[in-house]
N, C-alpha and C. Protein backbone atom coordinates (compact mmCIF):
# COMPACT_ATOMS: atom_id res chain seq x y z
N MET A 1 -8.88 -0.78 -17.89
CA MET A 1 -7.69 -1.42 -17.33
C MET A 1 -7.67 -2.86 -17.83
N GLU A 2 -6.53 -3.28 -18.38
CA GLU A 2 -6.48 -4.65 -18.87
C GLU A 2 -6.51 -5.63 -17.71
N ASP A 3 -6.80 -6.90 -18.03
CA ASP A 3 -7.01 -7.91 -16.99
C ASP A 3 -5.81 -8.08 -16.07
N ASN A 4 -4.60 -8.12 -16.62
CA ASN A 4 -3.41 -8.30 -15.79
C ASN A 4 -3.23 -7.15 -14.81
N LYS A 5 -3.44 -5.93 -15.30
CA LYS A 5 -3.31 -4.77 -14.42
C LYS A 5 -4.38 -4.79 -13.34
N GLN A 6 -5.59 -5.16 -13.71
CA GLN A 6 -6.69 -5.23 -12.73
C GLN A 6 -6.40 -6.31 -11.70
N ASP A 7 -5.88 -7.45 -12.14
CA ASP A 7 -5.52 -8.53 -11.24
C ASP A 7 -4.44 -8.08 -10.26
N LEU A 8 -3.42 -7.41 -10.77
CA LEU A 8 -2.33 -6.91 -9.92
C LEU A 8 -2.88 -5.90 -8.91
N PHE A 9 -3.73 -4.99 -9.38
CA PHE A 9 -4.35 -3.99 -8.51
C PHE A 9 -5.14 -4.67 -7.39
N ASN A 10 -5.93 -5.68 -7.76
CA ASN A 10 -6.75 -6.40 -6.78
C ASN A 10 -5.89 -7.14 -5.76
N ARG A 11 -4.79 -7.72 -6.22
CA ARG A 11 -3.90 -8.43 -5.31
C ARG A 11 -3.23 -7.48 -4.32
N VAL A 12 -2.84 -6.31 -4.80
CA VAL A 12 -2.26 -5.31 -3.88
C VAL A 12 -3.32 -4.84 -2.89
N GLU A 13 -4.54 -4.63 -3.36
CA GLU A 13 -5.65 -4.26 -2.47
C GLU A 13 -5.84 -5.31 -1.38
N ASP A 14 -5.79 -6.58 -1.76
CA ASP A 14 -5.93 -7.66 -0.78
C ASP A 14 -4.81 -7.60 0.25
N ALA A 15 -3.59 -7.33 -0.20
CA ALA A 15 -2.46 -7.21 0.73
C ALA A 15 -2.67 -6.05 1.69
N LEU A 16 -3.15 -4.92 1.16
CA LEU A 16 -3.41 -3.76 2.02
C LEU A 16 -4.50 -4.06 3.02
N ASN A 17 -5.47 -4.87 2.64
CA ASN A 17 -6.55 -5.24 3.56
C ASN A 17 -6.03 -6.01 4.77
N ASN A 18 -4.89 -6.68 4.61
CA ASN A 18 -4.29 -7.39 5.73
C ASN A 18 -3.69 -6.47 6.77
N ILE A 19 -3.26 -5.29 6.36
CA ILE A 19 -2.65 -4.35 7.31
C ILE A 19 -3.56 -3.17 7.65
N ARG A 20 -4.64 -3.06 6.91
CA ARG A 20 -5.57 -1.94 7.15
C ARG A 20 -6.07 -1.88 8.59
N PRO A 21 -6.43 -3.01 9.24
CA PRO A 21 -6.89 -2.92 10.64
C PRO A 21 -5.85 -2.30 11.58
N PHE A 22 -4.57 -2.59 11.34
CA PHE A 22 -3.50 -2.00 12.14
C PHE A 22 -3.49 -0.48 11.97
N LEU A 23 -3.59 -0.03 10.73
CA LEU A 23 -3.60 1.42 10.47
C LEU A 23 -4.85 2.07 11.05
N GLN A 24 -5.99 1.41 10.88
CA GLN A 24 -7.25 1.97 11.38
C GLN A 24 -7.29 2.02 12.91
N SER A 25 -6.58 1.10 13.56
CA SER A 25 -6.56 1.12 15.03
C SER A 25 -5.86 2.36 15.55
N ASP A 26 -5.01 2.97 14.73
CA ASP A 26 -4.34 4.21 15.10
C ASP A 26 -5.02 5.43 14.48
N GLY A 27 -6.21 5.23 13.94
CA GLY A 27 -6.97 6.34 13.36
C GLY A 27 -6.55 6.71 11.95
N GLY A 28 -5.89 5.80 11.26
CA GLY A 28 -5.44 6.07 9.90
C GLY A 28 -6.05 5.11 8.91
N ASP A 29 -5.61 5.24 7.68
CA ASP A 29 -6.04 4.32 6.63
C ASP A 29 -5.12 4.51 5.44
N ILE A 30 -5.31 3.69 4.42
CA ILE A 30 -4.47 3.74 3.23
C ILE A 30 -5.34 3.46 2.03
N GLU A 31 -5.04 4.15 0.93
CA GLU A 31 -5.79 3.96 -0.32
C GLU A 31 -4.79 3.72 -1.44
N LEU A 32 -5.01 2.67 -2.22
CA LEU A 32 -4.18 2.39 -3.39
C LEU A 32 -4.66 3.26 -4.53
N LEU A 33 -3.76 4.08 -5.05
CA LEU A 33 -4.12 4.99 -6.13
C LEU A 33 -3.81 4.41 -7.51
N GLU A 34 -2.61 3.86 -7.65
CA GLU A 34 -2.23 3.31 -8.95
C GLU A 34 -1.01 2.41 -8.79
N ILE A 35 -0.77 1.63 -9.82
CA ILE A 35 0.45 0.84 -9.92
C ILE A 35 1.10 1.23 -11.23
N THR A 36 2.34 1.71 -11.16
CA THR A 36 3.02 2.17 -12.35
C THR A 36 3.49 0.99 -13.20
N GLU A 37 3.91 1.30 -14.42
CA GLU A 37 4.40 0.27 -15.33
C GLU A 37 5.61 -0.47 -14.77
N ASN A 38 6.42 0.22 -13.93
CA ASN A 38 7.63 -0.41 -13.38
C ASN A 38 7.40 -1.00 -11.99
N GLY A 39 6.13 -1.25 -11.62
CA GLY A 39 5.82 -1.98 -10.40
C GLY A 39 5.87 -1.19 -9.12
N ILE A 40 5.64 0.12 -9.20
CA ILE A 40 5.57 0.95 -8.00
C ILE A 40 4.10 1.15 -7.65
N ALA A 41 3.74 0.73 -6.43
CA ALA A 41 2.37 0.95 -5.95
C ALA A 41 2.33 2.32 -5.28
N LYS A 42 1.50 3.20 -5.79
CA LYS A 42 1.35 4.55 -5.24
C LYS A 42 0.12 4.55 -4.33
N VAL A 43 0.34 4.96 -3.09
CA VAL A 43 -0.73 4.94 -2.10
C VAL A 43 -0.89 6.31 -1.47
N LYS A 44 -2.05 6.52 -0.89
CA LYS A 44 -2.34 7.74 -0.14
C LYS A 44 -2.58 7.34 1.30
N LEU A 45 -1.79 7.93 2.21
CA LEU A 45 -2.01 7.71 3.63
C LEU A 45 -3.06 8.70 4.10
N MET A 46 -4.00 8.23 4.90
CA MET A 46 -5.13 9.08 5.31
C MET A 46 -5.27 9.09 6.82
N GLY A 47 -6.07 10.01 7.30
CA GLY A 47 -6.33 10.11 8.73
C GLY A 47 -5.06 10.42 9.49
N ASN A 48 -4.87 9.77 10.63
CA ASN A 48 -3.69 10.01 11.46
C ASN A 48 -2.39 9.59 10.78
N CYS A 49 -2.47 8.75 9.76
CA CYS A 49 -1.26 8.32 9.05
C CYS A 49 -0.69 9.44 8.18
N ASP A 50 -1.54 10.33 7.72
CA ASP A 50 -1.11 11.42 6.85
C ASP A 50 -0.30 12.42 7.67
N GLY A 51 0.97 12.53 7.38
CA GLY A 51 1.82 13.49 8.08
C GLY A 51 2.40 12.98 9.39
N CYS A 52 2.09 11.76 9.77
CA CYS A 52 2.62 11.20 11.01
C CYS A 52 4.12 10.99 10.86
N LYS A 53 4.88 11.32 11.90
CA LYS A 53 6.33 11.17 11.81
C LYS A 53 6.74 9.70 11.73
N MET A 54 5.87 8.79 12.13
CA MET A 54 6.18 7.36 12.02
C MET A 54 5.76 6.79 10.66
N SER A 55 5.09 7.58 9.84
CA SER A 55 4.52 7.03 8.62
C SER A 55 5.58 6.51 7.65
N SER A 56 6.76 7.12 7.58
CA SER A 56 7.76 6.60 6.65
C SER A 56 8.28 5.24 7.10
N SER A 57 8.45 5.05 8.40
CA SER A 57 8.89 3.73 8.87
C SER A 57 7.75 2.72 8.77
N THR A 58 6.52 3.16 9.00
CA THR A 58 5.35 2.29 8.82
C THR A 58 5.27 1.84 7.37
N MET A 59 5.53 2.76 6.44
CA MET A 59 5.49 2.43 5.02
C MET A 59 6.49 1.33 4.68
N LYS A 60 7.74 1.49 5.10
CA LYS A 60 8.77 0.52 4.74
C LYS A 60 8.62 -0.79 5.51
N ALA A 61 8.46 -0.70 6.82
CA ALA A 61 8.45 -1.90 7.65
C ALA A 61 7.15 -2.68 7.52
N GLY A 62 6.04 -1.98 7.45
CA GLY A 62 4.75 -2.66 7.44
C GLY A 62 4.13 -2.78 6.07
N VAL A 63 3.84 -1.64 5.49
CA VAL A 63 3.07 -1.63 4.24
C VAL A 63 3.87 -2.25 3.09
N GLU A 64 5.05 -1.73 2.83
CA GLU A 64 5.81 -2.22 1.69
C GLU A 64 6.19 -3.70 1.85
N ALA A 65 6.62 -4.08 3.04
CA ALA A 65 7.00 -5.48 3.27
C ALA A 65 5.82 -6.41 3.06
N THR A 66 4.64 -6.03 3.56
CA THR A 66 3.46 -6.86 3.40
C THR A 66 3.06 -6.97 1.94
N VAL A 67 3.03 -5.84 1.25
CA VAL A 67 2.63 -5.85 -0.16
C VAL A 67 3.60 -6.70 -0.98
N LYS A 68 4.90 -6.53 -0.76
CA LYS A 68 5.88 -7.29 -1.53
C LYS A 68 5.80 -8.79 -1.20
N ASN A 69 5.45 -9.12 0.02
CA ASN A 69 5.29 -10.51 0.41
C ASN A 69 4.11 -11.15 -0.34
N PHE A 70 3.00 -10.43 -0.43
CA PHE A 70 1.81 -10.95 -1.10
C PHE A 70 1.90 -10.84 -2.62
N VAL A 71 2.57 -9.79 -3.10
CA VAL A 71 2.63 -9.50 -4.53
C VAL A 71 4.09 -9.21 -4.92
N PRO A 72 4.87 -10.26 -5.18
CA PRO A 72 6.30 -10.09 -5.45
C PRO A 72 6.63 -9.22 -6.67
N GLU A 73 5.67 -9.02 -7.56
CA GLU A 73 5.90 -8.17 -8.74
C GLU A 73 6.08 -6.70 -8.35
N ILE A 74 5.60 -6.32 -7.18
CA ILE A 74 5.71 -4.93 -6.74
C ILE A 74 7.15 -4.66 -6.30
N GLN A 75 7.72 -3.61 -6.87
CA GLN A 75 9.11 -3.24 -6.57
C GLN A 75 9.21 -2.34 -5.33
N ALA A 76 8.19 -1.49 -5.14
CA ALA A 76 8.21 -0.56 -4.01
C ALA A 76 6.80 -0.01 -3.80
N VAL A 77 6.59 0.55 -2.61
CA VAL A 77 5.34 1.24 -2.30
C VAL A 77 5.72 2.66 -1.91
N GLU A 78 5.07 3.64 -2.55
CA GLU A 78 5.36 5.04 -2.28
C GLU A 78 4.10 5.77 -1.88
N ALA A 79 4.23 6.60 -0.86
CA ALA A 79 3.12 7.46 -0.47
C ALA A 79 3.19 8.73 -1.30
N VAL A 80 2.05 9.15 -1.83
CA VAL A 80 1.99 10.37 -2.63
C VAL A 80 1.04 11.36 -2.01
């Protein structure tokens, strides 16, 4: 992975670390899988977050907003 991509990946990881305690308090977690060329962060929701009916609103309101705030280069966050 080139330096810029690694830096971007690390910055998104740092942003996720800010919201991870909230997810873990509900028995869930999140894993960053990849960042596409067009700035889409692909994540995996785990534990209670996987399949939760609130997970899509959690993604947009919490996860995506936080990531975009910390890393403006990210266009969107998608659960895969």
